[in-house]
C-alpha atoms as a PDB file:
ATOM      1  CA  MET A   1     -56.842-255.047 -35.168  1.00  0.00           C
ATOM      2  CA  ILE A   2     -54.997-251.717 -35.482  1.00  0.00           C
ATOM      3  CA  ILE A   3     -56.742-248.804 -33.765  1.00  0.00           C
ATOM      4  CA  ASP A   4     -55.462-245.512 -35.149  1.00  0.00           C
ATOM      5  CA  LEU A   5     -56.786-242.521 -33.227  1.00  0.00           C
ATOM      6  CA  ARG A   6     -54.104-239.980 -34.060  1.00  0.00           C
ATOM      7  CA  SER A   7     -56.513-237.889 -36.136  1.00  0.00           C
ATOM      8  CA  ASP A   8     -59.791-237.953 -38.048  1.00  0.00           C
ATOM      9  CA  THR A   9     -57.733-237.357 -41.201  1.00  0.00           C
ATOM     10  CA  ILE A  10     -56.604-240.995 -41.428  1.00  0.00           C
ATOM     11  CA  THR A  11     -59.932-242.349 -42.687  1.00  0.00           C
ATOM     12  CA  LYS A  12     -60.309-244.124 -46.017  1.00  0.00           C
ATOM     13  CA  PRO A  13     -63.290-243.750 -48.377  1.00  0.00           C
ATOM     14  CA  THR A  14     -66.226-246.073 -47.766  1.00  0.00           C
ATOM     15  CA  GLN A  15     -67.425-248.335 -50.559  1.00  0.00           C
ATOM     16  CA  GLY A  16     -70.375-246.045 -51.211  1.00  0.00           C
ATOM     17  CA  MET A  17     -68.043-243.063 -51.473  1.00  0.00           C
ATOM     18  CA  LEU A  18     -65.741-244.938 -53.858  1.00  0.00           C
ATOM     19  CA  ASP A  19     -68.700-245.866 -56.050  1.00  0.00           C
ATOM     20  CA  ALA A  20     -69.767-242.203 -56.180  1.00  0.00           C
ATOM     21  CA  MET A  21     -66.236-241.161 -57.105  1.00  0.00           C
ATOM     22  CA  LEU A  22     -65.935-243.712 -59.894  1.00  0.00           C
ATOM     23  CA  SER A  23     -69.223-242.662 -61.457  1.00  0.00           C
ATOM     24  CA  ALA A  24     -68.564-238.908 -61.282  1.00  0.00           C
ATOM     25  CA  LYS A  25     -68.912-236.738 -64.352  1.00  0.00           C
ATOM     26  CA  VAL A  26     -65.796-234.624 -64.709  1.00  0.00           C
ATOM     27  CA  GLY A  27     -64.295-231.785 -66.712  1.00  0.00           C
ATOM     28  CA  ASP A  28     -61.437-229.310 -66.440  1.00  0.00           C
ATOM     29  CA  ASP A  29     -62.002-227.394 -63.227  1.00  0.00           C
ATOM     30  CA  VAL A  30     -59.364-224.773 -64.030  1.00  0.00           C
ATOM     31  CA  TYR A  31     -61.749-223.758 -66.806  1.00  0.00           C
ATOM     32  CA  LYS A  32     -64.638-224.208 -64.301  1.00  0.00           C
ATOM     33  CA  GLU A  33     -65.978-227.005 -66.545  1.00  0.00           C
ATOM     34  CA  ASP A  34     -66.118-229.823 -64.002  1.00  0.00           C
ATOM     35  CA  PRO A  35     -69.842-230.389 -63.327  1.00  0.00           C
ATOM     36  CA  THR A  36     -69.312-232.307 -60.101  1.00  0.00           C
ATOM     37  CA  VAL A  37     -67.053-229.637 -58.595  1.00  0.00           C
ATOM     38  CA  ASN A  38     -69.539-226.982 -59.644  1.00  0.00           C
ATOM     39  CA  ALA A  39     -72.344-228.956 -57.994  1.00  0.00           C
ATOM     40  CA  LEU A  40     -70.379-229.300 -54.745  1.00  0.00           C
ATOM     41  CA  GLU A  41     -69.519-225.596 -54.661  1.00  0.00           C
ATOM     42  CA  GLU A  42     -73.117-224.594 -55.401  1.00  0.00           C
ATOM     43  CA  ARG A  43     -74.460-226.909 -52.722  1.00  0.00           C
ATOM     44  CA  ILE A  44     -72.143-225.718 -49.968  1.00  0.00           C
ATOM     45  CA  ALA A  45     -72.614-222.073 -50.921  1.00  0.00           C
ATOM     46  CA  LYS A  46     -76.383-222.580 -50.663  1.00  0.00           C
ATOM     47  CA  MET A  47     -76.025-224.294 -47.274  1.00  0.00           C
ATOM     48  CA  PHE A  48     -74.294-221.210 -45.900  1.00  0.00           C
ATOM     49  CA  GLY A  49     -76.475-218.724 -47.749  1.00  0.00           C
ATOM     50  CA  LYS A  50     -73.513-217.416 -49.730  1.00  0.00           C
ATOM     51  CA  LYS A  51     -73.185-216.546 -53.396  1.00  0.00           C
ATOM     52  CA  SER A  52     -69.797-218.118 -53.960  1.00  0.00           C
ATOM     53  CA  ALA A  53     -67.738-221.170 -53.000  1.00  0.00           C
ATOM     54  CA  LEU A  54     -64.436-222.590 -54.228  1.00  0.00           C
ATOM     55  CA  PHE A  55     -62.967-226.084 -53.864  1.00  0.00           C
ATOM     56  CA  PHE A  56     -59.423-226.302 -52.436  1.00  0.00           C
ATOM     57  CA  PRO A  57     -57.117-229.299 -52.040  1.00  0.00           C
ATOM     58  CA  THR A  58     -56.471-228.536 -48.348  1.00  0.00           C
ATOM     59  CA  GLY A  59     -57.947-226.641 -45.443  1.00  0.00           C
ATOM     60  CA  SER A  60     -54.678-224.806 -44.859  1.00  0.00           C
ATOM     61  CA  MET A  61     -54.745-223.482 -48.426  1.00  0.00           C
ATOM     62  CA  ALA A  62     -58.369-222.394 -48.018  1.00  0.00           C
ATOM     63  CA  ASN A  63     -57.534-220.551 -44.803  1.00  0.00           C
ATOM     64  CA  GLN A  64     -54.444-218.967 -46.320  1.00  0.00           C
ATOM     65  CA  ALA A  65     -56.443-217.807 -49.319  1.00  0.00           C
ATOM     66  CA  ALA A  66     -59.006-216.233 -46.992  1.00  0.00           C
ATOM     67  CA  ILE A  67     -56.298-214.360 -45.102  1.00  0.00           C
ATOM     68  CA  LYS A  68     -54.869-213.125 -48.407  1.00  0.00           C
ATOM     69  CA  LEU A  69     -58.301-211.950 -49.563  1.00  0.00           C
ATOM     70  CA  HIS A  70     -58.949-210.009 -46.363  1.00  0.00           C
ATOM     71  CA  THR A  71     -55.565-208.359 -45.788  1.00  0.00           C
ATOM     72  CA  ASN A  72     -52.672-206.399 -47.233  1.00  0.00           C
ATOM     73  CA  PRO A  73     -48.987-206.926 -46.365  1.00  0.00           C
ATOM     74  CA  GLY A  74     -47.992-205.354 -43.063  1.00  0.00           C
ATOM     75  CA  GLU A  75     -51.457-205.727 -41.532  1.00  0.00           C
ATOM     76  CA  GLN A  76     -52.521-207.883 -38.612  1.00  0.00           C
ATOM     77  CA  VAL A  77     -54.905-210.781 -37.930  1.00  0.00           C
ATOM     78  CA  ILE A  78     -56.488-211.258 -34.516  1.00  0.00           C
ATOM     79  CA  CYS A  79     -56.709-214.919 -33.502  1.00  0.00           C
ATOM     80  CA  ASP A  80     -56.354-217.148 -30.466  1.00  0.00           C
ATOM     81  CA  LYS A  81     -52.953-218.413 -29.331  1.00  0.00           C
ATOM     82  CA  TYR A  82     -54.211-221.945 -30.098  1.00  0.00           C
ATOM     83  CA  ALA A  83     -55.389-221.034 -33.612  1.00  0.00           C
ATOM     84  CA  HIS A  84     -54.642-223.469 -36.428  1.00  0.00           C
ATOM     85  CA  ILE A  85     -53.745-220.602 -38.785  1.00  0.00           C
ATOM     86  CA  TYR A  86     -50.976-219.603 -36.370  1.00  0.00           C
ATOM     87  CA  ASN A  87     -49.728-222.963 -35.040  1.00  0.00           C
ATOM     88  CA  TYR A  88     -50.223-225.498 -37.810  1.00  0.00           C
ATOM     89  CA  GLU A  89     -50.029-223.797 -41.200  1.00  0.00           C
ATOM     90  CA  GLY A  90     -46.277-223.439 -41.492  1.00  0.00           C
ATOM     91  CA  GLY A  91     -46.138-219.714 -40.828  1.00  0.00           C
ATOM     92  CA  GLY A  92     -48.172-219.217 -43.985  1.00  0.00           C
ATOM     93  CA  ALA A  93     -49.868-216.024 -42.821  1.00  0.00           C
ATOM     94  CA  SER A  94     -46.530-214.210 -42.753  1.00  0.00           C
ATOM     95  CA  PHE A  95     -45.075-215.962 -45.813  1.00  0.00           C
ATOM     96  CA  ASN A  96     -48.102-215.796 -48.120  1.00  0.00           C
ATOM     97  CA  SER A  97     -49.769-212.575 -47.023  1.00  0.00           C
ATOM     98  CA  GLY A  98     -47.073-210.661 -45.158  1.00  0.00           C
ATOM     99  CA  VAL A  99     -49.263-210.257 -42.081  1.00  0.00           C
ATOM    100  CA  SER A 100     -48.667-210.803 -38.380  1.00  0.00           C
ATOM    101  CA  CYS A 101     -50.943-212.420 -35.832  1.00  0.00           C
ATOM    102  CA  LYS A 102     -52.154-210.677 -32.669  1.00  0.00           C
ATOM    103  CA  LEU A 103     -52.593-213.609 -30.315  1.00  0.00           C
ATOM    104  CA  ILE A 104     -55.380-213.603 -27.747  1.00  0.00           C
ATOM    105  CA  ASP A 105     -54.922-215.588 -24.549  1.00  0.00           C
ATOM    106  CA  GLY A 106     -58.311-217.261 -24.754  1.00  0.00           C
ATOM    107  CA  HIS A 107     -59.850-220.319 -23.141  1.00  0.00           C
ATOM    108  CA  ARG A 108     -59.424-223.598 -25.049  1.00  0.00           C
ATOM    109  CA  GLY A 109     -58.949-221.687 -28.287  1.00  0.00           C
ATOM    110  CA  MET A 110     -61.918-219.362 -27.792  1.00  0.00           C
ATOM    111  CA  PHE A 111     -61.956-215.680 -26.837  1.00  0.00           C
ATOM    112  CA  THR A 112     -64.449-213.000 -25.920  1.00  0.00           C
ATOM    113  CA  VAL A 113     -65.672-209.886 -27.677  1.00  0.00           C
ATOM    114  CA  LYS A 114     -63.990-207.840 -24.935  1.00  0.00           C
ATOM    115  CA  GLN A 115     -60.647-209.425 -25.783  1.00  0.00           C
ATOM    116  CA  VAL A 116     -61.163-208.624 -29.468  1.00  0.00           C
ATOM    117  CA  VAL A 117     -61.821-204.956 -28.693  1.00  0.00           C
ATOM    118  CA  GLU A 118     -58.693-204.820 -26.549  1.00  0.00           C
ATOM    119  CA  SER A 119     -56.631-206.371 -29.380  1.00  0.00           C
ATOM    120  CA  ILE A 120     -57.559-203.904 -32.129  1.00  0.00           C
ATOM    121  CA  ASN A 121     -54.713-201.504 -32.859  1.00  0.00           C
ATOM    122  CA  PRO A 122     -55.682-197.821 -33.224  1.00  0.00           C
ATOM    123  CA  PRO A 123     -55.920-197.293 -37.005  1.00  0.00           C
ATOM    124  CA  ASP A 124     -54.263-193.854 -36.847  1.00  0.00           C
ATOM    125  CA  PHE A 125     -51.278-195.137 -34.810  1.00  0.00           C
ATOM    126  CA  TYR A 126     -48.916-195.943 -37.655  1.00  0.00           C
ATOM    127  CA  HIS A 127     -46.275-197.530 -35.391  1.00  0.00           C
ATOM    128  CA  SER A 128     -48.383-200.674 -34.989  1.00  0.00           C
ATOM    129  CA  PRO A 129     -49.799-202.964 -37.694  1.00  0.00           C
ATOM    130  CA  LEU A 130     -53.231-202.111 -39.019  1.00  0.00           C
ATOM    131  CA  THR A 131     -55.758-204.619 -37.702  1.00  0.00           C
ATOM    132  CA  SER A 132     -57.779-205.932 -40.644  1.00  0.00           C
ATOM    133  CA  LEU A 133     -59.139-209.406 -39.798  1.00  0.00           C
ATOM    134  CA  VAL A 134     -60.523-211.481 -36.931  1.00  0.00           C
ATOM    135  CA  ALA A 135     -60.206-215.254 -37.345  1.00  0.00           C
ATOM    136  CA  VAL A 136     -62.177-217.799 -35.313  1.00  0.00           C
ATOM    137  CA  GLU A 137     -61.720-221.599 -35.253  1.00  0.00           C
ATOM    138  CA  ASN A 138     -64.728-223.834 -34.546  1.00  0.00           C
ATOM    139  CA  THR A 139     -64.353-226.475 -33.259  1.00  0.00           C
ATOM    140  CA  THR A 140     -60.982-225.699 -31.729  1.00  0.00           C
ATOM    141  CA  ASN A 141     -58.389-228.325 -32.551  1.00  0.00           C
ATOM    142  CA  LYS A 142     -55.806-227.541 -29.888  1.00  0.00           C
ATOM    143  CA  GLY A 143     -58.639-226.671 -27.517  1.00  0.00           C
ATOM    144  CA  GLY A 144     -59.901-230.252 -27.590  1.00  0.00           C
ATOM    145  CA  GLY A 145     -62.808-229.979 -30.002  1.00  0.00           C
ATOM    146  CA  ALA A 146     -64.523-227.216 -28.043  1.00  0.00           C
ATOM    147  CA  CYS A 147     -67.531-225.453 -29.569  1.00  0.00           C
ATOM    148  CA  TRP A 148     -67.894-221.697 -29.527  1.00  0.00           C
ATOM    149  CA  ASP A 149     -70.844-219.919 -27.941  1.00  0.00           C
ATOM    150  CA  PHE A 150     -72.682-218.631 -31.004  1.00  0.00           C
ATOM    151  CA  GLU A 151     -73.887-215.557 -29.123  1.00  0.00           C
ATOM    152  CA  GLU A 152     -70.255-214.529 -28.553  1.00  0.00           C
ATOM    153  CA  ILE A 153     -69.554-215.074 -32.245  1.00  0.00           C
ATOM    154  CA  LYS A 154     -72.386-212.682 -33.111  1.00  0.00           C
ATOM    155  CA  LYS A 155     -71.096-210.060 -30.670  1.00  0.00           C
ATOM    156  CA  ILE A 156     -67.673-210.204 -32.341  1.00  0.00           C
ATOM    157  CA  ARG A 157     -69.412-209.660 -35.698  1.00  0.00           C
ATOM    158  CA  THR A 158     -70.797-206.389 -34.362  1.00  0.00           C
ATOM    159  CA  VAL A 159     -67.314-205.251 -33.366  1.00  0.00           C
ATOM    160  CA  CYS A 160     -65.955-206.208 -36.791  1.00  0.00           C
ATOM    161  CA  ASN A 161     -68.639-204.061 -38.388  1.00  0.00           C
ATOM    162  CA  GLU A 162     -67.835-201.115 -36.118  1.00  0.00           C
ATOM    163  CA  HIS A 163     -64.103-201.284 -36.930  1.00  0.00           C
ATOM    164  CA  ASN A 164     -64.365-202.331 -40.593  1.00  0.00           C
ATOM    165  CA  LEU A 165     -62.668-205.674 -39.973  1.00  0.00           C
ATOM    166  CA  GLY A 166     -63.001-208.866 -41.968  1.00  0.00           C
ATOM    167  CA  TYR A 167     -64.356-211.939 -40.169  1.00  0.00           C
ATOM    168  CA  HIS A 168     -63.149-215.426 -41.113  1.00  0.00           C
ATOM    169  CA  LEU A 169     -64.132-218.814 -39.722  1.00  0.00           C
ATOM    170  CA  ASP A 170     -61.713-221.720 -39.860  1.00  0.00           C
ATOM    171  CA  GLY A 171     -64.458-224.337 -39.850  1.00  0.00           C
ATOM    172  CA  ALA A 172     -62.303-227.409 -40.412  1.00  0.00           C
ATOM    173  CA  ARG A 173     -64.498-229.254 -37.918  1.00  0.00           C
ATOM    174  CA  LEU A 174     -67.544-227.013 -38.140  1.00  0.00           C
ATOM    175  CA  TRP A 175     -69.671-230.042 -39.081  1.00  0.00           C
ATOM    176  CA  ASN A 176     -68.919-231.461 -35.618  1.00  0.00           C
ATOM    177  CA  ALA A 177     -69.929-228.190 -33.981  1.00  0.00           C
ATOM    178  CA  LEU A 178     -73.200-228.007 -35.933  1.00  0.00           C
ATOM    179  CA  VAL A 179     -74.157-231.544 -34.925  1.00  0.00           C
ATOM    180  CA  ASN A 180     -73.259-230.870 -31.289  1.00  0.00           C
ATOM    181  CA  THR A 181     -75.061-227.533 -30.929  1.00  0.00           C
ATOM    182  CA  ASN A 182     -77.933-227.954 -33.412  1.00  0.00           C
ATOM    183  CA  GLU A 183     -76.984-224.674 -35.065  1.00  0.00           C
ATOM    184  CA  THR A 184     -77.098-224.414 -38.852  1.00  0.00           C
ATOM    185  CA  ALA A 185     -74.638-223.643 -41.597  1.00  0.00           C
ATOM    186  CA  PHE A 186     -76.937-220.823 -42.700  1.00  0.00           C
ATOM    187  CA  GLN A 187     -76.633-219.139 -39.285  1.00  0.00           C
ATOM    188  CA  TYR A 188     -72.853-219.123 -39.633  1.00  0.00           C
ATOM    189  CA  GLY A 189     -73.078-217.841 -43.188  1.00  0.00           C
ATOM    190  CA  GLU A 190     -75.062-214.842 -41.958  1.00  0.00           C
ATOM    191  CA  VAL A 191     -72.295-213.885 -39.525  1.00  0.00           C
ATOM    192  CA  PHE A 192     -68.967-214.557 -41.261  1.00  0.00           C
ATOM    193  CA  ASP A 193     -67.512-212.980 -44.412  1.00  0.00           C
ATOM    194  CA  THR A 194     -65.610-216.157 -45.301  1.00  0.00           C
ATOM    195  CA  ILE A 195     -65.777-219.730 -44.012  1.00  0.00           C
ATOM    196  CA  SER A 196     -63.557-222.709 -44.760  1.00  0.00           C
ATOM    197  CA  VAL A 197     -65.018-226.188 -44.235  1.00  0.00           C
ATOM    198  CA  CYS A 198     -63.052-229.421 -44.438  1.00  0.00           C
ATOM    199  CA  LEU A 199     -64.309-232.587 -46.116  1.00  0.00           C
ATOM    200  CA  SER A 200     -61.377-234.844 -45.215  1.00  0.00           C
ATOM    201  CA  LYS A 201     -61.776-234.899 -41.431  1.00  0.00           C
ATOM    202  CA  GLY A 202     -65.094-235.830 -39.850  1.00  0.00           C
ATOM    203  CA  LEU A 203     -66.790-236.367 -43.203  1.00  0.00           C
ATOM    204  CA  GLY A 204     -64.228-238.971 -44.237  1.00  0.00           C
ATOM    205  CA  CYS A 205     -63.269-237.735 -47.725  1.00  0.00           C
ATOM    206  CA  PRO A 206     -59.771-238.443 -49.063  1.00  0.00           C
ATOM    207  CA  ILE A 207     -59.083-234.783 -49.809  1.00  0.00           C
ATOM    208  CA  GLY A 208     -60.621-231.359 -50.000  1.00  0.00           C
ATOM    209  CA  SER A 209     -61.912-228.206 -48.354  1.00  0.00           C
ATOM    210  CA  VAL A 210     -64.299-225.550 -49.586  1.00  0.00           C
ATOM    211  CA  LEU A 211     -64.070-221.805 -49.003  1.00  0.00           C
ATOM    212  CA  VAL A 212     -67.381-219.949 -49.051  1.00  0.00           C
ATOM    213  CA  GLY A 213     -67.879-216.228 -48.781  1.00  0.00           C
ATOM    214  CA  ASP A 214     -69.528-213.024 -49.790  1.00  0.00           C
ATOM    215  CA  GLU A 215     -69.370-212.338 -53.513  1.00  0.00           C
ATOM    216  CA  ASN A 216     -67.314-209.138 -53.269  1.00  0.00           C
ATOM    217  CA  ILE A 217     -64.559-210.968 -51.352  1.00  0.00           C
ATOM    218  CA  MET A 218     -64.647-214.270 -53.219  1.00  0.00           C
ATOM    219  CA  LYS A 219     -64.272-212.723 -56.676  1.00  0.00           C
ATOM    220  CA  GLY A 220     -60.499-212.831 -56.146  1.00  0.00           C
ATOM    221  CA  ALA A 221     -60.403-216.322 -54.622  1.00  0.00           C
ATOM    222  CA  ILE A 222     -59.757-218.284 -57.814  1.00  0.00           C
ATOM    223  CA  ARG A 223     -56.778-216.045 -58.631  1.00  0.00           C
ATOM    224  CA  ILE A 224     -55.310-216.568 -55.160  1.00  0.00           C
ATOM    225  CA  ARG A 225     -55.858-220.319 -55.454  1.00  0.00           C
ATOM    226  CA  LYS A 226     -53.959-220.239 -58.755  1.00  0.00           C
ATOM    227  CA  ILE A 227     -51.097-218.261 -57.195  1.00  0.00           C
ATOM    228  CA  PHE A 228     -50.894-220.821 -54.382  1.00  0.00           C
ATOM    229  CA  GLY A 229     -50.771-223.658 -56.913  1.00  0.00           C
ATOM    230  CA  GLY A 230     -54.189-225.027 -56.041  1.00  0.00           C
ATOM    231  CA  GLY A 231     -55.763-225.216 -59.487  1.00  0.00           C
ATOM    232  CA  MET A 232     -56.733-228.821 -60.313  1.00  0.00           C
ATOM    233  CA  ARG A 233     -58.163-230.438 -63.414  1.00  0.00           C
ATOM    234  CA  GLN A 234     -60.593-233.403 -63.345  1.00  0.00           C
ATOM    235  CA  VAL A 235     -61.125-232.969 -59.638  1.00  0.00           C
ATOM    236  CA  GLY A 236     -64.769-233.996 -59.833  1.00  0.00           C
ATOM    237  CA  TYR A 237     -63.717-237.471 -58.713  1.00  0.00           C
ATOM    238  CA  LEU A 238     -62.804-235.893 -55.386  1.00  0.00           C
ATOM    239  CA  ALA A 239     -65.745-233.506 -55.295  1.00  0.00           C
ATOM    240  CA  ALA A 240     -68.042-236.519 -55.689  1.00  0.00           C
ATOM    241  CA  ALA A 241     -66.697-237.812 -52.392  1.00  0.00           C
ATOM    242  CA  GLY A 242     -67.699-234.504 -50.805  1.00  0.00           C
ATOM    243  CA  LEU A 243     -71.233-234.678 -52.166  1.00  0.00           C
ATOM    244  CA  TYR A 244     -71.569-238.253 -50.916  1.00  0.00           C
ATOM    245  CA  ALA A 245     -70.274-237.250 -47.486  1.00  0.00           C
ATOM    246  CA  LEU A 246     -72.773-234.402 -47.186  1.00  0.00           C
ATOM    247  CA  ASP A 247     -75.565-236.907 -47.804  1.00  0.00           C
ATOM    248  CA  HIS A 248     -74.320-239.750 -45.593  1.00  0.00           C
ATOM    249  CA  HIS A 249     -71.682-238.696 -43.064  1.00  0.00           C
ATOM    250  CA  ILE A 250     -72.928-235.647 -41.163  1.00  0.00           C
ATOM    251  CA  ASP A 251     -75.523-237.152 -38.822  1.00  0.00           C
ATOM    252  CA  ARG A 252     -73.220-240.040 -37.935  1.00  0.00           C
ATOM    253  CA  LEU A 253     -70.767-237.583 -36.333  1.00  0.00           C
ATOM    254  CA  LYS A 254     -72.847-238.022 -33.163  1.00  0.00           C
ATOM    255  CA  GLN A 255     -71.444-241.547 -32.937  1.00  0.00           C
ATOM    256  CA  ASP A 256     -67.886-240.184 -32.876  1.00  0.00           C
ATOM    257  CA  HIS A 257     -68.854-237.699 -30.166  1.00  0.00           C
ATOM    258  CA  ASN A 258     -70.473-240.370 -27.988  1.00  0.00           C
ATOM    259  CA  LYS A 259     -67.475-242.681 -28.292  1.00  0.00           C
ATOM    260  CA  ALA A 260     -65.127-239.830 -27.388  1.00  0.00           C
ATOM    261  CA  LYS A 261     -67.101-239.126 -24.227  1.00  0.00           C
ATOM    262  CA  GLU A 262     -67.029-242.799 -23.244  1.00  0.00           C
ATOM    263  CA  ILE A 263     -63.259-242.896 -23.740  1.00  0.00           C
ATOM    264  CA  GLY A 264     -62.959-239.773 -21.590  1.00  0.00           C
ATOM    265  CA  GLU A 265     -64.917-241.415 -18.775  1.00  0.00           C
ATOM    266  CA  VAL A 266     -62.569-244.405 -18.715  1.00  0.00           C
ATOM    267  CA  LEU A 267     -59.455-242.214 -18.895  1.00  0.00           C
ATOM    268  CA  GLY A 268     -60.750-240.117 -16.012  1.00  0.00           C
ATOM    269  CA  SER A 269     -60.868-243.222 -13.805  1.00  0.00           C
ATOM    270  CA  LEU A 270     -57.200-244.143 -14.326  1.00  0.00           C
ATOM    271  CA  SER A 271     -54.551-243.283 -11.755  1.00  0.00           C
ATOM    272  CA  GLN A 272     -52.029-242.516 -14.508  1.00  0.00           C
ATOM    273  CA  ILE A 273     -54.199-239.677 -15.822  1.00  0.00           C
ATOM    274  CA  LYS A 274     -54.048-236.280 -14.138  1.00  0.00           C
ATOM    275  CA  THR A 275     -56.837-234.535 -16.051  1.00  0.00           C
ATOM    276  CA  VAL A 276     -59.140-235.035 -19.019  1.00  0.00           C
ATOM    277  CA  GLU A 277     -60.304-231.847 -20.696  1.00  0.00           C
ATOM    278  CA  PRO A 278     -64.058-231.411 -21.247  1.00  0.00           C
ATOM    279  CA  ILE A 279     -65.229-233.413 -24.268  1.00  0.00           C
ATOM    280  CA  GLU A 280     -67.844-231.905 -26.578  1.00  0.00           C
ATOM    281  CA  THR A 281     -67.124-233.462 -29.935  1.00  0.00           C
ATOM    282  CA  ASN A 282     -64.614-236.022 -31.239  1.00  0.00           C
ATOM    283  CA  ILE A 283     -61.340-234.837 -29.688  1.00  0.00           C
ATOM    284  CA  ILE A 284     -60.028-235.998 -26.314  1.00  0.00           C
ATOM    285  CA  ILE A 285     -57.059-234.195 -24.775  1.00  0.00           C
ATOM    286  CA  PHE A 286     -55.731-235.576 -21.513  1.00  0.00           C
ATOM    287  CA  GLU A 287     -52.732-234.984 -19.287  1.00  0.00           C
ATOM    288  CA  LEU A 288     -50.633-237.671 -17.671  1.00  0.00           C
ATOM    289  CA  ASP A 289     -49.739-237.671 -14.011  1.00  0.00           C
ATOM    290  CA  ALA A 290     -46.358-236.120 -13.213  1.00  0.00           C
ATOM    291  CA  GLY A 291     -44.740-239.507 -12.582  1.00  0.00           C
ATOM    292  CA  VAL A 292     -45.871-241.087 -15.862  1.00  0.00           C
ATOM    293  CA  SER A 293     -43.625-241.010 -18.934  1.00  0.00           C
ATOM    294  CA  GLU A 294     -45.417-239.822 -22.067  1.00  0.00           C
ATOM    295  CA  THR A 295     -43.085-241.862 -24.268  1.00  0.00           C
ATOM    296  CA  GLU A 296     -43.643-245.060 -22.290  1.00  0.00           C
ATOM    297  CA  PHE A 297     -47.402-244.519 -22.160  1.00  0.00           C
ATOM    298  CA  VAL A 298     -47.634-244.056 -25.938  1.00  0.00           C
ATOM    299  CA  GLN A 299     -45.326-247.028 -26.560  1.00  0.00           C
ATOM    300  CA  LYS A 300     -47.394-249.272 -24.295  1.00  0.00           C
ATOM    301  CA  LEU A 301     -50.508-248.390 -26.273  1.00  0.00           C
ATOM    302  CA  ALA A 302     -48.645-248.966 -29.548  1.00  0.00           C
ATOM    303  CA  ALA A 303     -47.677-252.436 -28.325  1.00  0.00           C
ATOM    304  CA  ASN A 304     -51.421-253.094 -28.126  1.00  0.00           C
ATOM    305  CA  ASN A 305     -51.903-251.737 -31.683  1.00  0.00           C
ATOM    306  CA  ILE A 306     -53.392-248.475 -30.398  1.00  0.00           C
ATOM    307  CA  HIS A 307     -51.936-245.294 -31.892  1.00  0.00           C
ATOM    308  CA  ILE A 308     -52.484-241.848 -30.407  1.00  0.00           C
ATOM    309  CA  ILE A 309     -50.529-238.607 -30.635  1.00  0.00           C
ATOM    310  CA  GLY A 310     -48.483-236.722 -28.062  1.00  0.00           C
ATOM    311  CA  MET A 311     -48.828-232.944 -27.871  1.00  0.00           C
ATOM    312  CA  GLY A 312     -45.886-232.328 -25.539  1.00  0.00           C
ATOM    313  CA  SER A 313     -45.819-231.254 -21.881  1.00  0.00           C
ATOM    314  CA  GLY A 314     -47.453-234.519 -20.850  1.00  0.00           C
ATOM    315  CA  LYS A 315     -50.599-233.947 -22.910  1.00  0.00           C
ATOM    316  CA  LEU A 316     -51.922-236.483 -25.388  1.00  0.00           C
ATOM    317  CA  ARG A 317     -54.707-236.466 -27.975  1.00  0.00           C
ATOM    318  CA  ILE A 318     -57.219-239.017 -29.185  1.00  0.00           C
ATOM    319  CA  VAL A 319     -59.570-238.336 -32.107  1.00  0.00           C
ATOM    320  CA  THR A 320     -62.525-240.576 -32.957  1.00  0.00           C
ATOM    321  CA  HIS A 321     -63.614-240.903 -36.572  1.00  0.00           C
ATOM    322  CA  LEU A 322     -65.483-242.768 -39.302  1.00  0.00           C
ATOM    323  CA  ASP A 323     -63.104-245.752 -39.377  1.00  0.00           C
ATOM    324  CA  TYR A 324     -63.169-246.273 -35.607  1.00  0.00           C
ATOM    325  CA  THR A 325     -65.611-249.157 -35.333  1.00  0.00           C
ATOM    326  CA  ASP A 326     -67.722-250.412 -32.427  1.00  0.00           C
ATOM    327  CA  ALA A 327     -65.426-253.444 -32.109  1.00  0.00           C
ATOM    328  CA  MET A 328     -62.383-251.179 -31.905  1.00  0.00           C
ATOM    329  CA  HIS A 329     -64.153-249.077 -29.314  1.00  0.00           C
ATOM    330  CA  GLU A 330     -64.889-252.038 -27.054  1.00  0.00           C
ATOM    331  CA  LYS A 331     -61.300-253.257 -27.345  1.00  0.00           C
ATOM    332  CA  LEU A 332     -59.902-249.795 -26.571  1.00  0.00           C
ATOM    333  CA  LEU A 333     -62.082-249.351 -23.480  1.00  0.00           C
ATOM    334  CA  SER A 334     -61.039-252.773 -22.234  1.00  0.00           C
ATOM    335  CA  ILE A 335     -57.321-252.098 -22.717  1.00  0.00           C
ATOM    336  CA  PHE A 336     -57.565-248.681 -21.031  1.00  0.00           C
ATOM    337  CA  ALA A 337     -59.476-250.149 -18.104  1.00  0.00           C
ATOM    338  CA  ASN A 338     -56.707-252.717 -17.571  1.00  0.00           C
ATOM    339  CA  LEU A 339     -53.665-250.516 -18.015  1.00  0.00           C
END
C-alpha cells in the first residue's frame, strides 16, 4: 500500500468520473462549440452569480490571465508574501503582465484591510508603480490550508472600491474553504471581480480550472487564454469530469479535513515534532525538532511507503485527498504513533 500525501493533485479519476468523461458530448471549444465545456462554464458562473466563466487547463494560467486582465505593464499587485501567484507560478506576473508584486507580511498567507491600505502606492507619485490589483488566496497553500475571515475580505473590497483597484481571488482550494466555513460561492462572487477555482485538487479531476468574473473584465479573457496558449479543442471530455466532481466530490471534502485533523493530533504527540500549525482544511504543515534531520525523517516515511513533501527550514507538508482511503489513514496513524 503506497500512501502518497505530497499533494491533492495526485488523485486519479474515479470510475464514475471516467464514465462521465467517456460519455461526454464534445465539440471544438476554440470555436466555443463544445457543449460540455459550455455547460461547465455556465454552471460555475451561475454558482458565483457571475455572467461569464472560462475553462483553463491550469490554475496558474487562470490566475495569470486574471492578472493580465486587471493590470497594465509597470503596475503593481498587492498580495501576501506566501501567495501562490508570487511563489509558485514561475515569476509569471512579471513575465506575462510586466507587473511587480507588493508583498504583505501577513499571517499564514492572510492580511488585513489596514495592511492593504498601507500598501497602496500614491497614484500621483510617479516614482513608484501604480497599484492596480489586490489578490487574495483562499485557502492559503503555504499558510497550511487556512481560511480567510470573510468579514475581512469584504472590508478589503470597500478599500478596492475607494481606490479603483481590481480584486482577484485565487480560489484553487476555495471548495475546501466553503465546506469548512459554510459560506457560499455566491457570497464570494458578490465581492470579487474575478475568481479562479481549481477542479484538479480537492475535487479530484485530472485537469482544469475555471476563471469567473464580471462581464466587462471577462470579455478579454478568451483572447488572453489564446495568447497564453490555452485554447483547447474537444475538451468536453475534461469538462465532464468537472461537472461530475461538482455533483459528487464537494461534500466529501469534510472527510479530508477530518483526517487531516486526526493526523495533526498524532503528529503533535511525537517528540520529533516541534510544532504543528493549526489545521482547518486538508493541509498539515509541521516543523521538526531542531535535532531531527528532515531528509532522514522523509526517507524513513518513504521506507514505509509514505510520501510527503519537504518545504525547507525543517517544515514538512501533508495533504489529504480523494485517493487517501480509510485503510491508508489507519496505517498512517499507526506508523506515526510508532515512529
